[in-house]
N, C-alpha and C. Protein backbone atom coordinates (compact mmCIF):
# COMPACT_ATOMS: atom_id res chain seq x y z
N UNK A 1 -4.24 -28.82 14.54
CA UNK A 1 -3.24 -28.07 13.81
C UNK A 1 -2.55 -27.09 14.76
N UNK A 2 -1.24 -27.07 14.72
CA UNK A 2 -0.45 -26.18 15.57
C UNK A 2 -0.56 -24.74 15.07
N UNK A 3 -0.79 -23.80 15.98
CA UNK A 3 -0.86 -22.40 15.54
C UNK A 3 0.50 -21.91 15.05
N UNK A 4 0.47 -20.95 14.13
CA UNK A 4 1.68 -20.30 13.63
C UNK A 4 1.88 -19.01 14.40
N UNK A 5 3.15 -18.66 14.65
CA UNK A 5 3.47 -17.41 15.34
C UNK A 5 4.54 -16.65 14.57
N UNK A 6 4.52 -15.34 14.72
CA UNK A 6 5.52 -14.47 14.12
C UNK A 6 5.76 -13.28 15.02
N UNK A 7 6.93 -12.69 14.91
CA UNK A 7 7.18 -11.34 15.42
C UNK A 7 7.02 -10.43 14.22
N UNK A 8 6.19 -9.42 14.37
CA UNK A 8 5.75 -8.61 13.25
C UNK A 8 5.86 -7.13 13.56
N UNK A 9 6.10 -6.36 12.50
CA UNK A 9 6.09 -4.90 12.55
C UNK A 9 4.84 -4.43 11.80
N UNK A 10 3.82 -3.98 12.52
CA UNK A 10 2.62 -3.48 11.87
C UNK A 10 2.84 -2.05 11.40
N UNK A 11 2.34 -1.74 10.22
CA UNK A 11 2.44 -0.39 9.67
C UNK A 11 1.49 0.51 10.45
N UNK A 12 2.01 1.60 11.05
CA UNK A 12 1.14 2.51 11.80
C UNK A 12 0.39 3.47 10.87
N UNK A 13 -0.55 4.19 11.44
CA UNK A 13 -1.26 5.24 10.70
C UNK A 13 -0.29 6.39 10.44
N UNK A 14 -0.45 7.14 9.40
CA UNK A 14 -1.51 7.10 8.40
C UNK A 14 -1.21 6.14 7.24
N UNK A 15 0.02 5.63 7.15
CA UNK A 15 0.36 4.76 6.01
C UNK A 15 -0.49 3.48 5.99
N UNK A 16 -0.87 2.97 7.15
CA UNK A 16 -1.65 1.72 7.18
C UNK A 16 -2.99 1.88 6.45
N UNK A 17 -3.62 3.05 6.54
CA UNK A 17 -4.90 3.26 5.87
C UNK A 17 -4.73 3.19 4.36
N UNK A 18 -3.68 3.78 3.85
CA UNK A 18 -3.41 3.77 2.41
C UNK A 18 -3.11 2.34 1.95
N UNK A 19 -2.22 1.67 2.66
CA UNK A 19 -1.81 0.32 2.27
C UNK A 19 -2.94 -0.68 2.41
N UNK A 20 -3.71 -0.59 3.48
CA UNK A 20 -4.79 -1.55 3.68
C UNK A 20 -5.88 -1.38 2.63
N UNK A 21 -6.11 -0.15 2.15
CA UNK A 21 -7.08 0.06 1.07
C UNK A 21 -6.56 -0.60 -0.22
N UNK A 22 -5.29 -0.45 -0.51
CA UNK A 22 -4.70 -1.11 -1.68
C UNK A 22 -4.77 -2.62 -1.54
N UNK A 23 -4.45 -3.13 -0.37
CA UNK A 23 -4.48 -4.58 -0.13
C UNK A 23 -5.89 -5.13 -0.28
N UNK A 24 -6.89 -4.37 0.14
CA UNK A 24 -8.29 -4.80 0.00
C UNK A 24 -8.66 -4.95 -1.47
N UNK A 25 -8.11 -4.10 -2.32
CA UNK A 25 -8.36 -4.19 -3.76
C UNK A 25 -7.57 -5.34 -4.39
N UNK A 26 -6.29 -5.43 -4.06
CA UNK A 26 -5.40 -6.40 -4.69
C UNK A 26 -5.59 -7.82 -4.16
N UNK A 27 -5.91 -7.96 -2.87
CA UNK A 27 -6.05 -9.29 -2.27
C UNK A 27 -6.91 -9.19 -1.01
N UNK A 28 -8.24 -9.14 -1.18
CA UNK A 28 -9.11 -8.99 0.00
C UNK A 28 -8.99 -10.14 0.99
N UNK A 29 -8.61 -11.32 0.53
CA UNK A 29 -8.44 -12.44 1.46
C UNK A 29 -7.31 -12.14 2.43
N UNK A 30 -6.15 -11.77 1.91
CA UNK A 30 -5.00 -11.47 2.77
C UNK A 30 -5.27 -10.25 3.65
N UNK A 31 -5.93 -9.26 3.07
CA UNK A 31 -6.27 -8.06 3.84
C UNK A 31 -7.16 -8.39 5.03
N UNK A 32 -8.02 -9.40 4.87
CA UNK A 32 -8.89 -9.82 5.97
C UNK A 32 -8.19 -10.65 7.03
N UNK A 33 -7.04 -11.21 6.69
CA UNK A 33 -6.30 -12.06 7.63
C UNK A 33 -5.35 -11.27 8.53
N UNK A 34 -4.76 -10.19 7.96
CA UNK A 34 -3.73 -9.46 8.70
C UNK A 34 -3.56 -8.07 8.10
N UNK A 35 -3.41 -7.05 8.95
CA UNK A 35 -3.15 -5.70 8.43
C UNK A 35 -1.75 -5.62 7.79
N UNK A 36 -1.50 -4.51 7.13
CA UNK A 36 -0.21 -4.28 6.49
C UNK A 36 0.91 -4.41 7.53
N UNK A 37 1.96 -5.17 7.17
CA UNK A 37 3.02 -5.47 8.13
C UNK A 37 4.29 -5.91 7.41
N UNK A 38 5.36 -5.94 8.17
CA UNK A 38 6.61 -6.56 7.76
C UNK A 38 6.89 -7.67 8.76
N UNK A 39 7.12 -8.88 8.28
CA UNK A 39 7.45 -9.99 9.16
C UNK A 39 8.89 -9.80 9.63
N UNK A 40 9.06 -9.75 10.95
CA UNK A 40 10.39 -9.58 11.53
C UNK A 40 11.06 -10.93 11.76
N UNK A 41 10.36 -11.88 12.38
CA UNK A 41 10.92 -13.20 12.67
C UNK A 41 9.81 -14.24 12.57
N UNK A 42 10.12 -15.34 11.93
CA UNK A 42 9.17 -16.45 11.83
C UNK A 42 9.34 -17.38 13.04
N UNK A 43 8.30 -18.17 13.31
CA UNK A 43 8.25 -18.97 14.53
C UNK A 43 9.41 -19.93 14.70
N UNK A 44 9.91 -20.50 13.62
CA UNK A 44 11.01 -21.45 13.76
C UNK A 44 12.29 -20.78 14.25
N UNK A 45 12.36 -19.46 14.11
CA UNK A 45 13.54 -18.73 14.55
C UNK A 45 13.53 -18.44 16.05
N UNK A 46 12.35 -18.47 16.66
CA UNK A 46 12.28 -18.15 18.09
C UNK A 46 11.45 -19.16 18.89
N UNK A 47 11.19 -20.32 18.32
CA UNK A 47 10.31 -21.32 18.96
C UNK A 47 10.78 -21.72 20.35
N UNK A 48 12.09 -21.81 20.55
CA UNK A 48 12.59 -22.24 21.86
C UNK A 48 12.97 -21.06 22.76
N UNK A 49 12.67 -19.85 22.34
CA UNK A 49 13.02 -18.67 23.13
C UNK A 49 11.94 -18.37 24.15
N UNK A 50 12.33 -17.75 25.22
CA UNK A 50 11.41 -17.33 26.28
C UNK A 50 10.80 -16.00 25.85
N UNK A 51 9.49 -15.93 25.83
CA UNK A 51 8.78 -14.73 25.34
C UNK A 51 9.20 -13.46 26.08
N UNK A 52 9.29 -13.51 27.41
CA UNK A 52 9.69 -12.31 28.16
C UNK A 52 11.10 -11.87 27.80
N UNK A 53 11.98 -12.81 27.54
CA UNK A 53 13.36 -12.45 27.15
C UNK A 53 13.37 -11.77 25.78
N UNK A 54 12.56 -12.28 24.84
CA UNK A 54 12.46 -11.64 23.52
C UNK A 54 11.99 -10.20 23.65
N UNK A 55 10.95 -10.00 24.44
CA UNK A 55 10.40 -8.66 24.56
C UNK A 55 11.28 -7.74 25.41
N UNK A 56 12.08 -8.30 26.29
CA UNK A 56 13.09 -7.48 26.98
C UNK A 56 14.06 -6.91 25.95
N UNK A 57 14.46 -7.75 24.98
CA UNK A 57 15.35 -7.29 23.91
C UNK A 57 14.67 -6.20 23.07
N UNK A 58 13.39 -6.37 22.79
CA UNK A 58 12.65 -5.35 22.03
C UNK A 58 12.70 -4.02 22.76
N UNK A 59 12.41 -4.05 24.07
CA UNK A 59 12.37 -2.81 24.86
C UNK A 59 13.74 -2.18 25.06
N UNK A 60 14.80 -2.95 24.88
CA UNK A 60 16.14 -2.40 25.09
C UNK A 60 16.86 -2.14 23.77
N UNK A 61 16.15 -2.21 22.66
CA UNK A 61 16.73 -1.85 21.35
C UNK A 61 17.19 -0.39 21.42
N UNK A 62 18.21 -0.06 20.69
CA UNK A 62 18.87 1.25 20.80
C UNK A 62 18.00 2.42 20.35
N UNK A 63 17.01 2.17 19.50
CA UNK A 63 16.18 3.24 18.96
C UNK A 63 14.72 3.03 19.33
N UNK A 64 13.95 4.10 19.26
CA UNK A 64 12.52 4.03 19.60
C UNK A 64 11.65 3.66 18.42
N UNK A 65 12.27 3.48 17.26
CA UNK A 65 11.52 3.02 16.09
C UNK A 65 12.51 2.43 15.08
N UNK A 66 11.96 1.75 14.10
CA UNK A 66 12.76 1.21 13.00
C UNK A 66 12.22 1.85 11.73
N UNK A 67 13.05 2.62 11.05
CA UNK A 67 12.63 3.28 9.82
C UNK A 67 13.02 2.47 8.60
N UNK A 68 12.03 2.19 7.77
CA UNK A 68 12.27 1.47 6.51
C UNK A 68 11.65 2.26 5.36
N UNK A 69 12.33 2.25 4.23
CA UNK A 69 11.83 2.88 3.02
C UNK A 69 11.53 1.78 2.01
N UNK A 70 10.38 1.88 1.38
CA UNK A 70 9.95 0.87 0.41
C UNK A 70 9.87 1.50 -0.97
N UNK A 71 10.27 0.70 -1.97
CA UNK A 71 10.31 1.17 -3.35
C UNK A 71 9.06 0.81 -4.11
N UNK A 72 9.12 0.97 -5.44
CA UNK A 72 7.96 0.70 -6.30
C UNK A 72 7.48 -0.74 -6.19
N UNK A 73 6.20 -0.96 -6.45
CA UNK A 73 5.65 -2.31 -6.34
C UNK A 73 6.30 -3.26 -7.34
N UNK A 74 6.36 -4.52 -6.92
CA UNK A 74 6.95 -5.56 -7.76
C UNK A 74 6.02 -6.77 -7.72
N UNK A 75 5.74 -7.32 -8.88
CA UNK A 75 4.96 -8.55 -8.94
C UNK A 75 5.90 -9.73 -8.68
N UNK A 76 5.35 -10.79 -8.06
CA UNK A 76 6.12 -12.01 -7.84
C UNK A 76 5.18 -13.21 -7.91
N UNK A 77 5.69 -14.31 -8.38
CA UNK A 77 4.94 -15.56 -8.50
C UNK A 77 3.55 -15.34 -9.10
N UNK A 78 3.51 -14.66 -10.22
CA UNK A 78 2.25 -14.45 -10.92
C UNK A 78 1.52 -13.21 -10.47
N UNK A 79 0.56 -13.35 -9.54
CA UNK A 79 -0.25 -12.21 -9.13
C UNK A 79 0.10 -11.67 -7.74
N UNK A 80 1.20 -12.14 -7.15
CA UNK A 80 1.66 -11.56 -5.90
C UNK A 80 2.20 -10.16 -6.15
N UNK A 81 2.04 -9.28 -5.15
CA UNK A 81 2.54 -7.91 -5.27
C UNK A 81 3.18 -7.53 -3.94
N UNK A 82 4.40 -6.98 -4.01
CA UNK A 82 5.05 -6.52 -2.79
C UNK A 82 5.74 -5.19 -3.03
N UNK A 83 5.99 -4.50 -1.93
CA UNK A 83 6.83 -3.30 -1.94
C UNK A 83 8.15 -3.71 -1.31
N UNK A 84 9.25 -3.70 -2.09
CA UNK A 84 10.54 -4.12 -1.54
C UNK A 84 11.14 -3.02 -0.66
N UNK A 85 11.90 -3.42 0.32
CA UNK A 85 12.60 -2.47 1.17
C UNK A 85 13.80 -1.93 0.40
N UNK A 86 13.82 -0.61 0.22
CA UNK A 86 14.92 0.04 -0.49
C UNK A 86 15.87 0.77 0.45
N UNK A 87 15.49 0.92 1.70
CA UNK A 87 16.33 1.61 2.66
C UNK A 87 16.05 1.14 4.07
N UNK A 88 17.09 0.87 4.82
CA UNK A 88 16.94 0.44 6.20
C UNK A 88 17.08 -1.05 6.40
N UNK A 89 17.35 -1.79 5.32
CA UNK A 89 17.47 -3.25 5.44
C UNK A 89 18.59 -3.64 6.38
N UNK A 90 19.66 -2.86 6.41
CA UNK A 90 20.77 -3.17 7.31
C UNK A 90 20.33 -3.06 8.77
N UNK A 91 19.55 -2.05 9.10
CA UNK A 91 19.07 -1.88 10.48
C UNK A 91 18.02 -2.94 10.80
N UNK A 92 17.21 -3.32 9.82
CA UNK A 92 16.25 -4.42 9.99
C UNK A 92 17.01 -5.68 10.41
N UNK A 93 18.10 -5.99 9.72
CA UNK A 93 18.93 -7.15 10.07
C UNK A 93 19.55 -7.02 11.44
N UNK A 94 19.98 -5.81 11.81
CA UNK A 94 20.55 -5.58 13.14
C UNK A 94 19.51 -5.83 14.23
N UNK A 95 18.27 -5.37 13.99
CA UNK A 95 17.20 -5.61 14.97
C UNK A 95 16.93 -7.10 15.12
N UNK A 96 16.88 -7.82 14.02
CA UNK A 96 16.69 -9.27 14.08
C UNK A 96 17.80 -9.93 14.90
N UNK A 97 19.03 -9.54 14.64
CA UNK A 97 20.17 -10.13 15.38
C UNK A 97 20.15 -9.72 16.85
N UNK A 98 19.62 -8.54 17.16
CA UNK A 98 19.52 -8.08 18.55
C UNK A 98 18.49 -8.93 19.31
N UNK A 99 17.34 -9.16 18.67
CA UNK A 99 16.27 -9.91 19.32
C UNK A 99 16.62 -11.40 19.41
N UNK A 100 17.26 -11.93 18.38
CA UNK A 100 17.58 -13.36 18.30
C UNK A 100 19.08 -13.57 18.16
N UNK A 101 19.88 -13.15 19.11
CA UNK A 101 21.34 -13.16 18.92
C UNK A 101 21.94 -14.54 18.62
N UNK A 102 21.42 -15.59 19.20
CA UNK A 102 22.02 -16.91 19.00
C UNK A 102 21.14 -17.82 18.13
N UNK A 103 20.02 -17.31 17.66
CA UNK A 103 19.06 -18.18 16.99
C UNK A 103 18.84 -17.87 15.51
N UNK A 104 19.47 -16.82 15.02
CA UNK A 104 19.19 -16.37 13.66
C UNK A 104 19.43 -17.49 12.65
N UNK A 105 18.41 -17.84 11.90
CA UNK A 105 18.51 -18.94 10.95
C UNK A 105 18.66 -18.48 9.51
N UNK A 106 18.15 -17.32 9.19
CA UNK A 106 18.22 -16.83 7.80
C UNK A 106 18.26 -15.31 7.81
N UNK A 107 18.39 -14.74 6.63
CA UNK A 107 18.48 -13.30 6.49
C UNK A 107 17.43 -12.83 5.48
N UNK A 108 16.15 -12.77 5.89
CA UNK A 108 15.09 -12.43 4.95
C UNK A 108 15.14 -10.96 4.53
N UNK A 109 14.59 -10.69 3.36
CA UNK A 109 14.48 -9.32 2.89
C UNK A 109 13.20 -8.71 3.44
N UNK A 110 13.31 -7.53 4.01
CA UNK A 110 12.13 -6.82 4.49
C UNK A 110 11.28 -6.41 3.30
N UNK A 111 9.97 -6.55 3.43
CA UNK A 111 9.05 -6.15 2.36
C UNK A 111 7.64 -6.05 2.93
N UNK A 112 6.79 -5.35 2.21
CA UNK A 112 5.37 -5.28 2.51
C UNK A 112 4.62 -6.04 1.43
N UNK A 113 3.90 -7.08 1.79
CA UNK A 113 3.13 -7.85 0.82
C UNK A 113 1.75 -7.20 0.66
N UNK A 114 1.43 -6.85 -0.58
CA UNK A 114 0.12 -6.27 -0.87
C UNK A 114 -0.86 -7.31 -1.40
N UNK A 115 -0.33 -8.34 -2.08
CA UNK A 115 -1.16 -9.45 -2.57
C UNK A 115 -0.32 -10.71 -2.47
N UNK A 116 -0.89 -11.74 -1.87
CA UNK A 116 -0.15 -12.99 -1.67
C UNK A 116 -0.54 -13.99 -2.77
N UNK A 117 0.45 -14.60 -3.42
CA UNK A 117 0.13 -15.52 -4.52
C UNK A 117 -0.57 -16.81 -4.10
N UNK A 118 -0.58 -17.14 -2.81
CA UNK A 118 -1.27 -18.37 -2.39
C UNK A 118 -2.79 -18.20 -2.43
N UNK A 119 -3.24 -16.94 -2.42
CA UNK A 119 -4.68 -16.68 -2.51
C UNK A 119 -5.06 -16.55 -3.99
N UNK A 120 -6.33 -16.84 -4.33
CA UNK A 120 -6.75 -16.66 -5.72
C UNK A 120 -6.59 -15.20 -6.14
N UNK A 121 -6.31 -14.99 -7.40
CA UNK A 121 -6.17 -13.62 -7.91
C UNK A 121 -7.51 -12.91 -7.80
N UNK A 122 -7.49 -11.76 -7.14
CA UNK A 122 -8.71 -10.97 -6.96
C UNK A 122 -9.02 -10.20 -8.24
N UNK A 123 -10.30 -9.92 -8.50
CA UNK A 123 -10.66 -9.15 -9.69
C UNK A 123 -9.95 -7.78 -9.73
N UNK A 124 -9.69 -7.20 -8.55
CA UNK A 124 -9.02 -5.90 -8.50
C UNK A 124 -7.52 -5.94 -8.65
N UNK A 125 -6.95 -7.14 -8.75
CA UNK A 125 -5.50 -7.28 -8.88
C UNK A 125 -5.13 -7.11 -10.36
N UNK A 126 -5.11 -5.86 -10.77
CA UNK A 126 -4.82 -5.50 -12.16
C UNK A 126 -3.57 -4.64 -12.21
N UNK A 127 -3.01 -4.52 -13.41
CA UNK A 127 -1.84 -3.66 -13.59
C UNK A 127 -2.18 -2.21 -13.25
N UNK A 128 -3.41 -1.79 -13.55
CA UNK A 128 -3.83 -0.42 -13.22
C UNK A 128 -3.83 -0.21 -11.71
N UNK A 129 -4.35 -1.18 -10.96
CA UNK A 129 -4.37 -1.07 -9.49
C UNK A 129 -2.94 -1.07 -8.95
N UNK A 130 -2.08 -1.91 -9.50
CA UNK A 130 -0.69 -1.95 -9.04
C UNK A 130 0.00 -0.62 -9.33
N UNK A 131 -0.35 0.02 -10.44
CA UNK A 131 0.28 1.31 -10.77
C UNK A 131 -0.12 2.41 -9.78
N UNK A 132 -1.20 2.21 -9.03
CA UNK A 132 -1.63 3.18 -8.02
C UNK A 132 -0.86 3.03 -6.71
N UNK A 133 -0.05 1.99 -6.60
CA UNK A 133 0.73 1.77 -5.39
C UNK A 133 1.81 2.84 -5.26
N UNK A 134 2.18 3.17 -4.02
CA UNK A 134 3.23 4.18 -3.84
C UNK A 134 4.53 3.75 -4.51
N UNK A 135 5.24 4.71 -5.06
CA UNK A 135 6.54 4.46 -5.69
C UNK A 135 7.67 4.56 -4.66
N UNK A 136 7.39 5.26 -3.57
CA UNK A 136 8.34 5.39 -2.47
C UNK A 136 7.53 5.63 -1.20
N UNK A 137 7.88 4.94 -0.15
CA UNK A 137 7.12 5.05 1.09
C UNK A 137 8.08 4.87 2.26
N UNK A 138 8.08 5.82 3.17
CA UNK A 138 8.91 5.73 4.39
C UNK A 138 7.98 5.42 5.55
N UNK A 139 8.32 4.37 6.32
CA UNK A 139 7.50 3.96 7.46
C UNK A 139 8.40 3.86 8.69
N UNK A 140 7.96 4.44 9.79
CA UNK A 140 8.61 4.30 11.10
C UNK A 140 7.79 3.31 11.91
N UNK A 141 8.40 2.18 12.21
CA UNK A 141 7.73 1.14 12.99
C UNK A 141 8.09 1.34 14.46
N UNK A 142 7.10 1.66 15.32
CA UNK A 142 7.40 1.96 16.72
C UNK A 142 7.38 0.77 17.67
N UNK A 143 6.91 -0.39 17.19
CA UNK A 143 6.73 -1.51 18.11
C UNK A 143 6.86 -2.85 17.38
N UNK A 144 6.97 -3.89 18.19
CA UNK A 144 7.02 -5.27 17.69
C UNK A 144 5.86 -6.02 18.32
N UNK A 145 5.15 -6.79 17.50
CA UNK A 145 4.02 -7.57 17.98
C UNK A 145 4.29 -9.06 17.81
N UNK A 146 3.85 -9.84 18.79
CA UNK A 146 3.82 -11.30 18.67
C UNK A 146 2.41 -11.63 18.22
N UNK A 147 2.30 -12.30 17.07
CA UNK A 147 1.00 -12.63 16.51
C UNK A 147 0.88 -14.13 16.31
N UNK A 148 -0.38 -14.59 16.22
CA UNK A 148 -0.63 -16.02 16.09
C UNK A 148 -1.80 -16.25 15.14
N UNK A 149 -1.69 -17.34 14.36
CA UNK A 149 -2.76 -17.73 13.45
C UNK A 149 -3.11 -19.19 13.69
N UNK A 150 -4.39 -19.48 13.83
CA UNK A 150 -4.88 -20.86 13.95
C UNK A 150 -5.49 -21.25 12.61
N UNK A 151 -4.95 -22.30 12.01
CA UNK A 151 -5.45 -22.75 10.71
C UNK A 151 -5.34 -21.65 9.68
N UNK A 152 -6.46 -21.39 9.01
CA UNK A 152 -6.46 -20.34 8.00
C UNK A 152 -7.21 -19.10 8.49
N UNK A 153 -7.38 -19.01 9.82
CA UNK A 153 -8.08 -17.87 10.40
C UNK A 153 -7.24 -16.61 10.42
N UNK A 154 -7.84 -15.51 10.86
CA UNK A 154 -7.10 -14.26 10.92
C UNK A 154 -6.01 -14.31 12.01
N UNK A 155 -4.97 -13.53 11.78
CA UNK A 155 -3.89 -13.41 12.76
C UNK A 155 -4.40 -12.58 13.93
N UNK A 156 -3.99 -12.97 15.16
CA UNK A 156 -4.38 -12.29 16.39
C UNK A 156 -3.12 -11.81 17.10
N UNK A 157 -3.16 -10.59 17.59
CA UNK A 157 -2.02 -10.05 18.35
C UNK A 157 -2.08 -10.56 19.77
N UNK A 158 -1.02 -11.25 20.20
CA UNK A 158 -0.92 -11.76 21.56
C UNK A 158 -0.24 -10.77 22.48
N UNK A 159 0.69 -10.02 21.93
CA UNK A 159 1.47 -9.09 22.76
C UNK A 159 2.13 -8.07 21.82
N UNK A 160 2.26 -6.86 22.29
CA UNK A 160 2.94 -5.82 21.53
C UNK A 160 3.73 -4.95 22.50
N UNK A 161 4.95 -4.64 22.13
CA UNK A 161 5.82 -3.82 22.99
C UNK A 161 6.49 -2.75 22.13
N UNK A 162 6.66 -1.55 22.69
CA UNK A 162 7.37 -0.52 21.94
C UNK A 162 8.86 -0.83 21.84
N UNK A 163 9.44 -0.39 20.74
CA UNK A 163 10.88 -0.51 20.58
C UNK A 163 11.59 0.51 21.46
N UNK A 164 12.73 0.13 21.96
CA UNK A 164 13.62 1.06 22.66
C UNK A 164 13.17 1.42 24.05
N UNK A 165 14.05 2.12 24.74
CA UNK A 165 13.76 2.51 26.12
C UNK A 165 12.66 3.56 26.16
N UNK A 166 11.83 3.47 27.19
CA UNK A 166 10.70 4.42 27.35
C UNK A 166 11.18 5.80 27.74
């Protein structure tokens, strides 16, 4: 089986501790596979790109972080739960176009997945638990990571670089 790769924005501390605790309740399987994150680019969008060139673009991004604001939790596809991006989506798109200027295939919506519907519904995935999710959350993402998953195993970070000039 071919490994899957993504460019990812991991949620830094202290927000990651809050979100990962919620994710452990809502979907312990997903929480065990990958920490709280926003997927920046999927593998089909950069499969033919040179890794060093991608990360050169990351390091030369105009800002030292990407700020996104997330709104109230939303259920999707039954027991899936996500926090939708309510602010910064335009800059998220600009960063994607900066990293993948000639390869952009789609325009995904930035979001934080707290429970993935492909996993069985966890006992803790209740309306009460979802109501404990933040109603508004601002996150500054300082870096981009290249991650890889083999089969259904946990995602592993292969490389991480800070955004913007040092």
